[in-house]
Amino acid sequence: MREKGNHTWDIFVHYHRCPHCGYITESRKDYESYEKEQKKEITCDRCQNNYTVTKAAQSGFGPLFGKSEHAEIHWGYDQ
């Protein structure tokens, strides 16, 4: 979630549940991109347990509106 305000940078606020004790921790750190996923290391404020949160990486540049469509013209190659 990005917060809006009178600043020139994005503030990221994410909430994560600790897998060990169930405490919900607020994280303002953004995900770091790896090959096909994004990761970040979290330390629980209550039990000091370290854990990694991962999510699938988004594609680089996709369609601006809606889903992508199939190509209408194939330029000389067989499928």
Protein backbone atom coordinates (compact mmCIF):
# COMPACT_ATOMS: atom_id res chain seq x y z
CA MET A 1 0.00 0.00 0.00
CA ARG A 2 1.40 3.39 -0.92
CA GLU A 3 0.59 6.35 1.25
CA LYS A 4 -0.11 9.72 -0.35
CA GLY A 5 1.06 12.99 1.08
CA ASN A 6 3.09 16.12 0.51
CA HIS A 7 6.40 14.33 0.02
CA THR A 8 8.32 13.45 -3.13
CA TRP A 9 8.95 9.77 -2.38
CA ASP A 10 6.65 6.78 -1.94
CA ILE A 11 6.06 5.48 1.57
CA PHE A 12 5.35 1.76 1.59
CA VAL A 13 3.33 0.30 4.46
CA HIS A 14 2.85 -3.48 4.65
CA TYR A 15 1.51 -5.64 7.46
CA HIS A 16 2.85 -9.15 8.06
CA ARG A 17 1.81 -11.82 10.56
CA CYS A 18 4.67 -13.57 12.36
CA PRO A 19 4.53 -17.32 11.63
CA HIS A 20 5.90 -18.07 15.11
CA CYS A 21 3.73 -16.02 17.51
CA GLY A 22 1.03 -14.49 15.25
CA TYR A 23 1.90 -10.86 16.07
CA ILE A 24 1.24 -8.44 13.20
CA THR A 25 4.25 -6.30 12.32
CA GLU A 26 4.18 -3.11 10.26
CA SER A 27 6.93 -2.86 7.67
CA ARG A 28 7.83 0.29 5.73
CA LYS A 29 10.56 -1.48 3.82
CA ASP A 30 9.84 -2.29 0.15
CA TYR A 31 10.39 -5.73 -1.39
CA GLU A 32 13.75 -6.48 -3.03
CA SER A 33 13.55 -8.05 -6.48
CA TYR A 34 15.21 -11.36 -7.22
CA GLU A 35 14.86 -13.54 -10.34
CA LYS A 36 11.12 -14.34 -10.42
CA GLU A 37 10.04 -13.24 -6.97
CA GLN A 38 10.28 -10.38 -4.53
CA LYS A 39 11.52 -10.90 -0.98
CA LYS A 40 12.03 -9.02 2.25
CA GLU A 41 13.38 -9.99 5.64
CA ILE A 42 11.17 -9.21 8.64
CA THR A 43 11.99 -9.33 12.37
CA CYS A 44 9.01 -9.74 14.70
CA ASP A 45 8.78 -6.94 17.26
CA ARG A 46 7.40 -9.27 19.94
CA CYS A 47 9.37 -12.53 19.74
CA GLN A 48 12.38 -11.30 17.66
CA ASN A 49 11.87 -14.19 15.21
CA ASN A 50 13.35 -13.55 11.74
CA TYR A 51 11.37 -14.66 8.70
CA THR A 52 11.25 -14.00 4.97
CA VAL A 53 8.17 -12.78 3.11
CA THR A 54 8.03 -13.58 -0.62
CA LYS A 55 5.64 -12.75 -3.44
CA ALA A 56 5.67 -13.31 -7.19
CA ALA A 57 7.42 -10.61 -9.19
CA GLN A 58 5.33 -8.52 -11.54
CA SER A 59 6.20 -8.49 -15.23
CA GLY A 60 8.32 -5.60 -16.43
CA PHE A 61 6.06 -3.79 -18.86
CA GLY A 62 2.64 -5.10 -19.69
CA PRO A 63 -0.51 -3.81 -21.28
CA LEU A 64 -1.54 -0.42 -19.98
CA PHE A 65 -5.26 -1.20 -19.85
CA GLY A 66 -6.88 -4.63 -19.45
CA LYS A 67 -5.43 -7.98 -20.43
CA SER A 68 -3.06 -8.59 -23.30
CA GLU A 69 -4.55 -9.76 -26.59
CA HIS A 70 -3.42 -12.44 -29.03
CA ALA A 71 -1.40 -11.28 -32.03
CA GLU A 72 -3.51 -10.75 -35.15
CA ILE A 73 -0.62 -10.92 -37.62
CA HIS A 74 2.17 -13.48 -37.54
CA TRP A 75 5.25 -12.27 -39.39
CA GLY A 76 6.45 -15.33 -41.36
CA TYR A 77 7.05 -17.91 -38.69
CA ASP A 78 5.18 -21.14 -38.03
CA GLN A 79 3.72 -21.88 -34.64
